């Protein structure tokens, strides 16, 4: 099941590429683009340092090595924020507003099925950025409603609005088609169909469905770069990642395109990198980038534990 290693390392490497330039505007990166793994910059962290995107990805992966439990997943997230669990250098240096509010809810005893924020303004990308490990659990669930139920519950620990849950479903559908041997353009069209069918079955209001029309229209790759947003809004992050994947032909090209869109550079590249890892496999990620990653040995051990847990499935 090397695909899960490819996906997780794809997320982490993309994240680390984006950390030093997070919040930099696209115009500035056009003049001085990121071309490889760097350090310091925005958070003054050494090269190979990953952010909350990877921390929460690793927290989720860790909890999937045991029995599936929303409570244990939520507690792992709390342990990250308040006790520096799965941090690259023993300290949390970045957390999104919506994620932080949800984790405070959990810490204060709110159950994980009610901890995530549900108002429309809470649709940041904090669930999308960490959801890729769940692929190993849902990939063989035949019915899309079953996949959505599991994905939605895990997303809603921090991001409970339907838009965030549907975004996570779409992303994992795309990933699922990739590991079932679809090419990226085919995975894109199939993910579009899956989302449209799911929204129909769930009777999602047309006003909510409209937020996904640029994706489901089937031509996201034809948009100009200036029409792609790279802020923290979940739909924008999803669009940007799919756009980067469909307009590139290698892992480095995809994640560097994502980073150089500017703004939320680490998350856009992390989400792109998860798919890029699945498409181009571990061999497609430059070895020097992987070797620079903080706590690589610990990450490899965790991935081995996750693969072993699911190897019989």
C-alpha atoms as a PDB file:
ATOM      1  CA  UNK A   1       0.000   0.000   0.000  1.00  0.00           C
ATOM      2  CA  UNK A   2       2.773   2.384  -0.910  1.00  0.00           C
ATOM      3  CA  UNK A   3       0.088   4.748  -2.213  1.00  0.00           C
ATOM      4  CA  UNK A   4      -0.609   6.005   1.311  1.00  0.00           C
ATOM      5  CA  UNK A   5       3.085   6.743   1.805  1.00  0.00           C
ATOM      6  CA  UNK A   6       3.130   8.590  -1.513  1.00  0.00           C
ATOM      7  CA  UNK A   7       0.076  10.638  -0.501  1.00  0.00           C
ATOM      8  CA  UNK A   8       1.270  11.530   2.995  1.00  0.00           C
ATOM      9  CA  UNK A   9       4.802  12.421   1.905  1.00  0.00           C
ATOM     10  CA  UNK A  10       3.268  14.361  -0.969  1.00  0.00           C
ATOM     11  CA  UNK A  11       1.314  16.466   1.522  1.00  0.00           C
ATOM     12  CA  UNK A  12       4.250  17.034   3.853  1.00  0.00           C
ATOM     13  CA  UNK A  13       6.769  17.975   1.172  1.00  0.00           C
ATOM     14  CA  UNK A  14       4.297  20.369  -0.446  1.00  0.00           C
ATOM     15  CA  UNK A  15       3.554  21.904   2.932  1.00  0.00           C
ATOM     16  CA  UNK A  16       7.250  22.386   3.728  1.00  0.00           C
ATOM     17  CA  UNK A  17       7.877  24.034   0.369  1.00  0.00           C
ATOM     18  CA  UNK A  18       5.167  26.577   1.110  1.00  0.00           C
ATOM     19  CA  UNK A  19       5.908  27.381   4.762  1.00  0.00           C
ATOM     20  CA  UNK A  20       8.742  29.899   4.170  1.00  0.00           C
ATOM     21  CA  UNK A  21       6.637  32.034   1.831  1.00  0.00           C
ATOM     22  CA  UNK A  22       3.180  31.780   3.388  1.00  0.00           C
ATOM     23  CA  UNK A  23       1.197  35.017   2.966  1.00  0.00           C
ATOM     24  CA  UNK A  24       3.490  36.329   0.225  1.00  0.00           C
ATOM     25  CA  UNK A  25       1.480  37.822  -2.644  1.00  0.00           C
ATOM     26  CA  UNK A  26       1.499  36.192  -6.068  1.00  0.00           C
ATOM     27  CA  UNK A  27       3.029  39.264  -7.639  1.00  0.00           C
ATOM     28  CA  UNK A  28       6.072  39.019  -5.376  1.00  0.00           C
ATOM     29  CA  UNK A  29       6.495  35.318  -6.089  1.00  0.00           C
ATOM     30  CA  UNK A  30       6.243  35.971  -9.807  1.00  0.00           C
ATOM     31  CA  UNK A  31       9.320  38.140  -9.459  1.00  0.00           C
ATOM     32  CA  UNK A  32      11.151  35.709  -7.171  1.00  0.00           C
ATOM     33  CA  UNK A  33       9.551  32.263  -7.500  1.00  0.00           C
ATOM     34  CA  UNK A  34      10.189  29.332  -5.221  1.00  0.00           C
ATOM     35  CA  UNK A  35      12.177  26.691  -7.126  1.00  0.00           C
ATOM     36  CA  UNK A  36      13.074  24.261  -4.351  1.00  0.00           C
ATOM     37  CA  UNK A  37      13.143  23.594  -0.634  1.00  0.00           C
ATOM     38  CA  UNK A  38      14.070  26.702   1.323  1.00  0.00           C
ATOM     39  CA  UNK A  39      13.839  27.779   4.945  1.00  0.00           C
ATOM     40  CA  UNK A  40      13.260  30.609   7.406  1.00  0.00           C
ATOM     41  CA  UNK A  41      11.116  33.266   5.745  1.00  0.00           C
ATOM     42  CA  UNK A  42       7.631  33.775   7.201  1.00  0.00           C
ATOM     43  CA  UNK A  43       8.048  31.719  10.376  1.00  0.00           C
ATOM     44  CA  UNK A  44      11.860  31.676  10.626  1.00  0.00           C
ATOM     45  CA  UNK A  45      11.865  27.868  10.470  1.00  0.00           C
ATOM     46  CA  UNK A  46      14.664  25.728   8.976  1.00  0.00           C
ATOM     47  CA  UNK A  47      14.238  23.999   5.595  1.00  0.00           C
ATOM     48  CA  UNK A  48      12.004  20.942   5.686  1.00  0.00           C
ATOM     49  CA  UNK A  49       9.748  22.337   8.399  1.00  0.00           C
ATOM     50  CA  UNK A  50       6.070  21.474   7.994  1.00  0.00           C
ATOM     51  CA  UNK A  51       3.105  23.307   9.448  1.00  0.00           C
ATOM     52  CA  UNK A  52      -0.276  22.531  10.985  1.00  0.00           C
ATOM     53  CA  UNK A  53      -1.341  20.975   7.679  1.00  0.00           C
ATOM     54  CA  UNK A  54       1.075  18.088   8.131  1.00  0.00           C
ATOM     55  CA  UNK A  55       0.766  17.971  11.922  1.00  0.00           C
ATOM     56  CA  UNK A  56      -2.965  17.308  11.705  1.00  0.00           C
ATOM     57  CA  UNK A  57      -2.460  14.922   8.784  1.00  0.00           C
ATOM     58  CA  UNK A  58      -0.066  12.916  10.945  1.00  0.00           C
ATOM     59  CA  UNK A  59      -2.414  13.090  13.926  1.00  0.00           C
ATOM     60  CA  UNK A  60      -5.197  11.598  11.810  1.00  0.00           C
ATOM     61  CA  UNK A  61      -2.880   8.964  10.342  1.00  0.00           C
ATOM     62  CA  UNK A  62      -1.771   7.999  13.834  1.00  0.00           C
ATOM     63  CA  UNK A  63      -5.311   7.467  15.046  1.00  0.00           C
ATOM     64  CA  UNK A  64      -6.170   5.369  11.991  1.00  0.00           C
ATOM     65  CA  UNK A  65      -3.568   2.817  13.108  1.00  0.00           C
ATOM     66  CA  UNK A  66      -6.057   1.751  15.801  1.00  0.00           C
ATOM     67  CA  UNK A  67      -9.799   1.388  16.013  1.00  0.00           C
ATOM     68  CA  UNK A  68     -11.652   4.183  14.287  1.00  0.00           C
ATOM     69  CA  UNK A  69     -12.871   6.729  16.828  1.00  0.00           C
ATOM     70  CA  UNK A  70     -13.858  10.371  16.393  1.00  0.00           C
ATOM     71  CA  UNK A  71     -13.052  10.923  20.050  1.00  0.00           C
ATOM     72  CA  UNK A  72      -9.481   9.681  19.668  1.00  0.00           C
ATOM     73  CA  UNK A  73      -8.960  11.681  16.476  1.00  0.00           C
ATOM     74  CA  UNK A  74     -10.257  14.821  18.156  1.00  0.00           C
ATOM     75  CA  UNK A  75      -8.093  14.233  21.215  1.00  0.00           C
ATOM     76  CA  UNK A  76      -5.029  13.841  19.021  1.00  0.00           C
ATOM     77  CA  UNK A  77      -5.770  17.217  17.448  1.00  0.00           C
ATOM     78  CA  UNK A  78      -6.130  18.753  20.920  1.00  0.00           C
ATOM     79  CA  UNK A  79      -2.827  17.175  21.974  1.00  0.00           C
ATOM     80  CA  UNK A  80      -1.186  18.804  18.976  1.00  0.00           C
ATOM     81  CA  UNK A  81      -2.433  22.307  19.749  1.00  0.00           C
ATOM     82  CA  UNK A  82      -1.991  22.216  23.517  1.00  0.00           C
ATOM     83  CA  UNK A  83       0.838  19.698  24.011  1.00  0.00           C
ATOM     84  CA  UNK A  84       2.867  19.986  20.775  1.00  0.00           C
ATOM     85  CA  UNK A  85       2.031  16.448  19.614  1.00  0.00           C
ATOM     86  CA  UNK A  86       3.262  15.812  16.065  1.00  0.00           C
ATOM     87  CA  UNK A  87       5.036  19.118  15.661  1.00  0.00           C
ATOM     88  CA  UNK A  88       8.239  19.300  13.592  1.00  0.00           C
ATOM     89  CA  UNK A  89      10.377  20.962  16.276  1.00  0.00           C
ATOM     90  CA  UNK A  90       8.335  20.717  19.482  1.00  0.00           C
ATOM     91  CA  UNK A  91       6.304  23.882  19.057  1.00  0.00           C
ATOM     92  CA  UNK A  92       3.070  24.870  17.288  1.00  0.00           C
ATOM     93  CA  UNK A  93       3.725  27.965  15.180  1.00  0.00           C
ATOM     94  CA  UNK A  94       0.558  28.146  13.066  1.00  0.00           C
ATOM     95  CA  UNK A  95      -3.134  27.343  13.538  1.00  0.00           C
ATOM     96  CA  UNK A  96      -6.180  28.443  11.582  1.00  0.00           C
ATOM     97  CA  UNK A  97      -8.926  30.391  13.318  1.00  0.00           C
ATOM     98  CA  UNK A  98     -11.681  27.848  12.663  1.00  0.00           C
ATOM     99  CA  UNK A  99      -9.500  24.906  13.655  1.00  0.00           C
ATOM    100  CA  UNK A 100      -8.385  26.677  16.810  1.00  0.00           C
ATOM    101  CA  UNK A 101     -11.964  27.458  17.831  1.00  0.00           C
ATOM    102  CA  UNK A 102     -13.063  23.858  17.246  1.00  0.00           C
ATOM    103  CA  UNK A 103     -10.164  22.458  19.244  1.00  0.00           C
ATOM    104  CA  UNK A 104     -10.984  24.787  22.122  1.00  0.00           C
ATOM    105  CA  UNK A 105     -14.496  23.343  21.997  1.00  0.00           C
ATOM    106  CA  UNK A 106     -13.075  19.836  22.202  1.00  0.00           C
ATOM    107  CA  UNK A 107     -10.778  20.763  25.066  1.00  0.00           C
ATOM    108  CA  UNK A 108     -13.764  22.134  26.961  1.00  0.00           C
ATOM    109  CA  UNK A 109     -15.656  18.878  26.563  1.00  0.00           C
ATOM    110  CA  UNK A 110     -17.795  19.416  23.464  1.00  0.00           C
ATOM    111  CA  UNK A 111     -18.188  16.038  21.671  1.00  0.00           C
ATOM    112  CA  UNK A 112     -16.348  15.711  18.331  1.00  0.00           C
ATOM    113  CA  UNK A 113     -19.600  15.425  16.397  1.00  0.00           C
ATOM    114  CA  UNK A 114     -20.502  18.936  17.572  1.00  0.00           C
ATOM    115  CA  UNK A 115     -17.117  20.610  17.985  1.00  0.00           C
ATOM    116  CA  UNK A 116     -16.665  21.892  14.433  1.00  0.00           C
ATOM    117  CA  UNK A 117     -17.989  25.289  13.428  1.00  0.00           C
ATOM    118  CA  UNK A 118     -21.000  25.235  11.111  1.00  0.00           C
ATOM    119  CA  UNK A 119     -21.568  28.805   9.927  1.00  0.00           C
ATOM    120  CA  UNK A 120     -20.797  29.649   6.268  1.00  0.00           C
ATOM    121  CA  UNK A 121     -17.913  31.911   7.272  1.00  0.00           C
ATOM    122  CA  UNK A 122     -16.123  28.947   8.864  1.00  0.00           C
ATOM    123  CA  UNK A 123     -15.337  27.272   5.531  1.00  0.00           C
ATOM    124  CA  UNK A 124     -11.575  27.489   5.761  1.00  0.00           C
ATOM    125  CA  UNK A 125      -9.360  24.747   4.362  1.00  0.00           C
ATOM    126  CA  UNK A 126      -8.349  23.215   7.707  1.00  0.00           C
ATOM    127  CA  UNK A 127     -10.232  19.931   7.209  1.00  0.00           C
ATOM    128  CA  UNK A 128      -9.266  19.543   3.551  1.00  0.00           C
ATOM    129  CA  UNK A 129      -5.568  19.937   4.287  1.00  0.00           C
ATOM    130  CA  UNK A 130      -5.459  16.974   6.684  1.00  0.00           C
ATOM    131  CA  UNK A 131      -7.971  14.523   5.179  1.00  0.00           C
ATOM    132  CA  UNK A 132      -5.757  12.412   2.859  1.00  0.00           C
ATOM    133  CA  UNK A 133      -4.943   9.608   5.371  1.00  0.00           C
ATOM    134  CA  UNK A 134      -8.645   8.742   5.480  1.00  0.00           C
ATOM    135  CA  UNK A 135      -8.254   7.415   1.938  1.00  0.00           C
ATOM    136  CA  UNK A 136      -6.875   4.178   3.360  1.00  0.00           C
ATOM    137  CA  UNK A 137     -10.110   3.574   5.280  1.00  0.00           C
ATOM    138  CA  UNK A 138     -12.732   4.612   2.733  1.00  0.00           C
ATOM    139  CA  UNK A 139     -11.150   3.504  -0.543  1.00  0.00           C
ATOM    140  CA  UNK A 140     -12.989   0.158  -0.678  1.00  0.00           C
ATOM    141  CA  UNK A 141     -16.354   1.344   0.647  1.00  0.00           C
ATOM    142  CA  UNK A 142     -18.616   0.700  -2.303  1.00  0.00           C
ATOM    143  CA  UNK A 143     -21.419   3.144  -1.644  1.00  0.00           C
ATOM    144  CA  UNK A 144     -20.653   6.881  -1.966  1.00  0.00           C
ATOM    145  CA  UNK A 145     -23.056   7.715   0.868  1.00  0.00           C
ATOM    146  CA  UNK A 146     -21.017   5.471   3.169  1.00  0.00           C
ATOM    147  CA  UNK A 147     -17.813   7.182   2.083  1.00  0.00           C
ATOM    148  CA  UNK A 148     -19.372  10.574   2.591  1.00  0.00           C
ATOM    149  CA  UNK A 149     -20.641   9.700   6.056  1.00  0.00           C
ATOM    150  CA  UNK A 150     -17.166   8.731   7.239  1.00  0.00           C
ATOM    151  CA  UNK A 151     -15.439  11.652   5.526  1.00  0.00           C
ATOM    152  CA  UNK A 152     -18.036  14.147   6.741  1.00  0.00           C
ATOM    153  CA  UNK A 153     -17.694  13.060  10.353  1.00  0.00           C
ATOM    154  CA  UNK A 154     -13.915  13.398  10.342  1.00  0.00           C
ATOM    155  CA  UNK A 155     -14.026  16.752   8.550  1.00  0.00           C
ATOM    156  CA  UNK A 156     -16.684  18.071  10.940  1.00  0.00           C
ATOM    157  CA  UNK A 157     -14.464  17.640  13.986  1.00  0.00           C
ATOM    158  CA  UNK A 158     -13.179  21.070  13.032  1.00  0.00           C
ATOM    159  CA  UNK A 159     -15.229  22.151   9.980  1.00  0.00           C
ATOM    160  CA  UNK A 160     -18.882  21.230  10.207  1.00  0.00           C
ATOM    161  CA  UNK A 161     -20.428  23.217   7.379  1.00  0.00           C
ATOM    162  CA  UNK A 162     -21.715  21.153   4.459  1.00  0.00           C
ATOM    163  CA  UNK A 163     -19.375  22.956   2.039  1.00  0.00           C
ATOM    164  CA  UNK A 164     -16.280  21.812   3.894  1.00  0.00           C
ATOM    165  CA  UNK A 165     -17.566  18.254   4.154  1.00  0.00           C
ATOM    166  CA  UNK A 166     -18.418  18.111   0.454  1.00  0.00           C
ATOM    167  CA  UNK A 167     -15.000  19.532  -0.434  1.00  0.00           C
ATOM    168  CA  UNK A 168     -13.289  16.771   1.525  1.00  0.00           C
ATOM    169  CA  UNK A 169     -15.505  14.184  -0.164  1.00  0.00           C
ATOM    170  CA  UNK A 170     -14.611  15.533  -3.613  1.00  0.00           C
ATOM    171  CA  UNK A 171     -10.885  15.525  -2.833  1.00  0.00           C
ATOM    172  CA  UNK A 172     -10.910  11.936  -1.605  1.00  0.00           C
ATOM    173  CA  UNK A 173     -13.049  10.846  -4.559  1.00  0.00           C
ATOM    174  CA  UNK A 174     -10.401  12.298  -6.876  1.00  0.00           C
ATOM    175  CA  UNK A 175      -7.705  10.498  -4.863  1.00  0.00           C
ATOM    176  CA  UNK A 176      -9.685   7.256  -4.842  1.00  0.00           C
ATOM    177  CA  UNK A 177     -10.006   7.257  -8.620  1.00  0.00           C
ATOM    178  CA  UNK A 178      -6.277   7.863  -8.905  1.00  0.00           C
ATOM    179  CA  UNK A 179      -5.428   4.747  -6.886  1.00  0.00           C
ATOM    180  CA  UNK A 180      -7.910   2.804  -9.003  1.00  0.00           C
ATOM    181  CA  UNK A 181      -5.700   3.572 -12.015  1.00  0.00           C
ATOM    182  CA  UNK A 182      -7.482   6.587 -13.495  1.00  0.00           C
ATOM    183  CA  UNK A 183      -5.430   9.272 -15.184  1.00  0.00           C
ATOM    184  CA  UNK A 184      -5.809  12.753 -13.631  1.00  0.00           C
ATOM    185  CA  UNK A 185      -8.204  14.055 -16.278  1.00  0.00           C
ATOM    186  CA  UNK A 186     -10.390  10.956 -15.930  1.00  0.00           C
ATOM    187  CA  UNK A 187     -10.257  11.171 -12.119  1.00  0.00           C
ATOM    188  CA  UNK A 188     -11.372  14.789 -12.418  1.00  0.00           C
ATOM    189  CA  UNK A 189     -14.413  13.969 -14.505  1.00  0.00           C
ATOM    190  CA  UNK A 190     -15.359  11.018 -12.285  1.00  0.00           C
ATOM    191  CA  UNK A 191     -14.983  13.117  -9.123  1.00  0.00           C
ATOM    192  CA  UNK A 192     -17.283  15.706 -10.684  1.00  0.00           C
ATOM    193  CA  UNK A 193     -19.889  13.025 -11.365  1.00  0.00           C
ATOM    194  CA  UNK A 194     -19.553  11.635  -7.846  1.00  0.00           C
ATOM    195  CA  UNK A 195     -20.074  15.031  -6.244  1.00  0.00           C
ATOM    196  CA  UNK A 196     -23.054  15.917  -8.416  1.00  0.00           C
ATOM    197  CA  UNK A 197     -24.700  12.572  -7.726  1.00  0.00           C
ATOM    198  CA  UNK A 198     -24.042  12.850  -4.001  1.00  0.00           C
ATOM    199  CA  UNK A 199     -25.450  16.365  -3.806  1.00  0.00           C
ATOM    200  CA  UNK A 200     -28.546  15.119  -5.581  1.00  0.00           C
ATOM    201  CA  UNK A 201     -28.993  12.233  -3.162  1.00  0.00           C
ATOM    202  CA  UNK A 202     -28.468  14.535  -0.181  1.00  0.00           C
ATOM    203  CA  UNK A 203     -30.883  17.075  -1.673  1.00  0.00           C
ATOM    204  CA  UNK A 204     -28.312  19.852  -1.326  1.00  0.00           C
ATOM    205  CA  UNK A 205     -29.874  23.208  -2.146  1.00  0.00           C
ATOM    206  CA  UNK A 206     -28.931  24.622  -5.527  1.00  0.00           C
ATOM    207  CA  UNK A 207     -27.490  27.726  -3.865  1.00  0.00           C
ATOM    208  CA  UNK A 208     -24.974  25.506  -2.087  1.00  0.00           C
ATOM    209  CA  UNK A 209     -24.274  23.396  -5.153  1.00  0.00           C
ATOM    210  CA  UNK A 210     -23.409  26.589  -7.002  1.00  0.00           C
ATOM    211  CA  UNK A 211     -20.212  26.960  -4.964  1.00  0.00           C
ATOM    212  CA  UNK A 212     -18.820  23.932  -6.787  1.00  0.00           C
ATOM    213  CA  UNK A 213     -19.928  24.808 -10.327  1.00  0.00           C
ATOM    214  CA  UNK A 214     -16.464  25.874 -11.522  1.00  0.00           C
ATOM    215  CA  UNK A 215     -15.202  22.400 -10.635  1.00  0.00           C
ATOM    216  CA  UNK A 216     -18.162  20.337 -11.724  1.00  0.00           C
ATOM    217  CA  UNK A 217     -18.468  22.246 -14.983  1.00  0.00           C
ATOM    218  CA  UNK A 218     -15.563  20.090 -16.121  1.00  0.00           C
ATOM    219  CA  UNK A 219     -13.214  22.816 -17.333  1.00  0.00           C
ATOM    220  CA  UNK A 220     -11.360  24.025 -14.242  1.00  0.00           C
ATOM    221  CA  UNK A 221      -8.060  23.356 -16.025  1.00  0.00           C
ATOM    222  CA  UNK A 222      -8.968  25.842 -18.754  1.00  0.00           C
ATOM    223  CA  UNK A 223      -9.168  28.796 -16.355  1.00  0.00           C
ATOM    224  CA  UNK A 224      -6.417  31.384 -16.451  1.00  0.00           C
ATOM    225  CA  UNK A 225      -4.065  31.629 -13.494  1.00  0.00           C
ATOM    226  CA  UNK A 226      -5.463  35.054 -12.626  1.00  0.00           C
ATOM    227  CA  UNK A 227      -8.881  33.410 -12.178  1.00  0.00           C
ATOM    228  CA  UNK A 228      -7.539  30.938  -9.585  1.00  0.00           C
ATOM    229  CA  UNK A 229      -7.655  32.056  -5.957  1.00  0.00           C
ATOM    230  CA  UNK A 230      -5.173  30.726  -3.389  1.00  0.00           C
ATOM    231  CA  UNK A 231      -6.530  32.033  -0.108  1.00  0.00           C
ATOM    232  CA  UNK A 232      -7.777  29.954   2.848  1.00  0.00           C
ATOM    233  CA  UNK A 233     -11.345  29.411   1.593  1.00  0.00           C
ATOM    234  CA  UNK A 234     -11.869  25.673   1.166  1.00  0.00           C
ATOM    235  CA  UNK A 235     -13.418  25.797  -2.299  1.00  0.00           C
ATOM    236  CA  UNK A 236     -10.637  28.040  -3.575  1.00  0.00           C
ATOM    237  CA  UNK A 237      -8.010  25.659  -2.199  1.00  0.00           C
ATOM    238  CA  UNK A 238      -9.765  22.702  -3.798  1.00  0.00           C
ATOM    239  CA  UNK A 239     -10.035  24.490  -7.143  1.00  0.00           C
ATOM    240  CA  UNK A 240      -6.416  25.610  -7.042  1.00  0.00           C
ATOM    241  CA  UNK A 241      -5.111  22.136  -6.249  1.00  0.00           C
ATOM    242  CA  UNK A 242      -7.088  20.479  -9.048  1.00  0.00           C
ATOM    243  CA  UNK A 243      -6.040  23.262 -11.443  1.00  0.00           C
ATOM    244  CA  UNK A 244      -2.380  22.748 -10.551  1.00  0.00           C
ATOM    245  CA  UNK A 245      -2.631  18.971 -10.993  1.00  0.00           C
ATOM    246  CA  UNK A 246      -4.351  19.190 -14.369  1.00  0.00           C
ATOM    247  CA  UNK A 247      -1.931  21.794 -15.720  1.00  0.00           C
ATOM    248  CA  UNK A 248       1.349  20.089 -14.827  1.00  0.00           C
ATOM    249  CA  UNK A 249       3.144  16.843 -15.632  1.00  0.00           C
ATOM    250  CA  UNK A 250       5.322  16.130 -12.587  1.00  0.00           C
ATOM    251  CA  UNK A 251       5.212  16.351  -8.806  1.00  0.00           C
ATOM    252  CA  UNK A 252       7.761  19.201  -8.559  1.00  0.00           C
ATOM    253  CA  UNK A 253       5.982  21.183 -11.258  1.00  0.00           C
ATOM    254  CA  UNK A 254       2.596  20.741  -9.555  1.00  0.00           C
ATOM    255  CA  UNK A 255       3.615  21.733  -6.030  1.00  0.00           C
ATOM    256  CA  UNK A 256       5.826  24.607  -7.137  1.00  0.00           C
ATOM    257  CA  UNK A 257       2.978  25.951  -9.254  1.00  0.00           C
ATOM    258  CA  UNK A 258       0.802  25.746  -6.135  1.00  0.00           C
ATOM    259  CA  UNK A 259       3.347  27.515  -3.918  1.00  0.00           C
ATOM    260  CA  UNK A 260       3.905  30.277  -6.433  1.00  0.00           C
ATOM    261  CA  UNK A 261       0.206  31.112  -6.527  1.00  0.00           C
ATOM    262  CA  UNK A 262       0.974  32.936  -3.276  1.00  0.00           C
ATOM    263  CA  UNK A 263      -1.166  33.638  -0.166  1.00  0.00           C
ATOM    264  CA  UNK A 264      -1.916  30.315   1.585  1.00  0.00           C
ATOM    265  CA  UNK A 265       1.102  28.723  -0.022  1.00  0.00           C
ATOM    266  CA  UNK A 266       1.645  25.826   2.377  1.00  0.00           C
ATOM    267  CA  UNK A 267      -1.934  24.544   2.285  1.00  0.00           C
ATOM    268  CA  UNK A 268      -2.407  24.935  -1.459  1.00  0.00           C
ATOM    269  CA  UNK A 269       0.826  23.001  -2.000  1.00  0.00           C
ATOM    270  CA  UNK A 270      -0.029  20.400   0.652  1.00  0.00           C
ATOM    271  CA  UNK A 271      -3.422  19.647  -0.896  1.00  0.00           C
ATOM    272  CA  UNK A 272      -1.880  19.589  -4.374  1.00  0.00           C
ATOM    273  CA  UNK A 273       0.970  17.466  -3.085  1.00  0.00           C
ATOM    274  CA  UNK A 274      -1.300  14.752  -1.730  1.00  0.00           C
ATOM    275  CA  UNK A 275      -2.719  14.167  -5.200  1.00  0.00           C
ATOM    276  CA  UNK A 276       0.672  14.645  -6.830  1.00  0.00           C
ATOM    277  CA  UNK A 277       2.154  11.944  -4.637  1.00  0.00           C
ATOM    278  CA  UNK A 278      -0.547   9.525  -5.775  1.00  0.00           C
ATOM    279  CA  UNK A 279      -0.026  10.355  -9.455  1.00  0.00           C
ATOM    280  CA  UNK A 280       3.772  10.430  -9.626  1.00  0.00           C
ATOM    281  CA  UNK A 281       4.534   8.052  -6.709  1.00  0.00           C
ATOM    282  CA  UNK A 282       7.308   8.455  -4.183  1.00  0.00           C
ATOM    283  CA  UNK A 283       9.969   8.232  -6.877  1.00  0.00           C
ATOM    284  CA  UNK A 284       8.487  11.357  -8.432  1.00  0.00           C
ATOM    285  CA  UNK A 285       9.172  13.448  -5.330  1.00  0.00           C
ATOM    286  CA  UNK A 286      12.778  14.708  -5.369  1.00  0.00           C
ATOM    287  CA  UNK A 287      14.785  12.688  -2.876  1.00  0.00           C
ATOM    288  CA  UNK A 288      16.551  15.769  -1.546  1.00  0.00           C
ATOM    289  CA  UNK A 289      13.172  17.282  -0.680  1.00  0.00           C
ATOM    290  CA  UNK A 290      12.104  14.162   1.184  1.00  0.00           C
ATOM    291  CA  UNK A 291      15.428  13.886   3.021  1.00  0.00           C
ATOM    292  CA  UNK A 292      15.110  17.478   4.265  1.00  0.00           C
ATOM    293  CA  UNK A 293      11.779  16.814   5.999  1.00  0.00           C
ATOM    294  CA  UNK A 294      11.774  17.220   9.784  1.00  0.00           C
ATOM    295  CA  UNK A 295      11.222  13.989  11.748  1.00  0.00           C
ATOM    296  CA  UNK A 296      11.342  11.880   8.612  1.00  0.00           C
ATOM    297  CA  UNK A 297      12.218   8.711  10.549  1.00  0.00           C
ATOM    298  CA  UNK A 298       9.207   9.161  12.836  1.00  0.00           C
ATOM    299  CA  UNK A 299       6.967   9.792   9.829  1.00  0.00           C
ATOM    300  CA  UNK A 300       8.193   6.653   8.072  1.00  0.00           C
ATOM    301  CA  UNK A 301       7.518   4.574  11.186  1.00  0.00           C
ATOM    302  CA  UNK A 302       3.993   5.938  11.422  1.00  0.00           C
ATOM    303  CA  UNK A 303       3.323   5.205   7.757  1.00  0.00           C
ATOM    304  CA  UNK A 304       4.561   1.629   8.217  1.00  0.00           C
ATOM    305  CA  UNK A 305       2.190   1.203  11.158  1.00  0.00           C
ATOM    306  CA  UNK A 306      -0.712   2.551   9.106  1.00  0.00           C
ATOM    307  CA  UNK A 307       0.062   0.272   6.177  1.00  0.00           C
ATOM    308  CA  UNK A 308       0.338  -2.738   8.472  1.00  0.00           C
ATOM    309  CA  UNK A 309      -3.023  -1.948  10.064  1.00  0.00           C
ATOM    310  CA  UNK A 310      -4.754  -2.063   6.681  1.00  0.00           C
ATOM    311  CA  UNK A 311      -2.619  -4.569   4.765  1.00  0.00           C
ATOM    312  CA  UNK A 312      -5.186  -7.353   5.138  1.00  0.00           C
ATOM    313  CA  UNK A 313      -7.970  -5.274   3.585  1.00  0.00           C
END
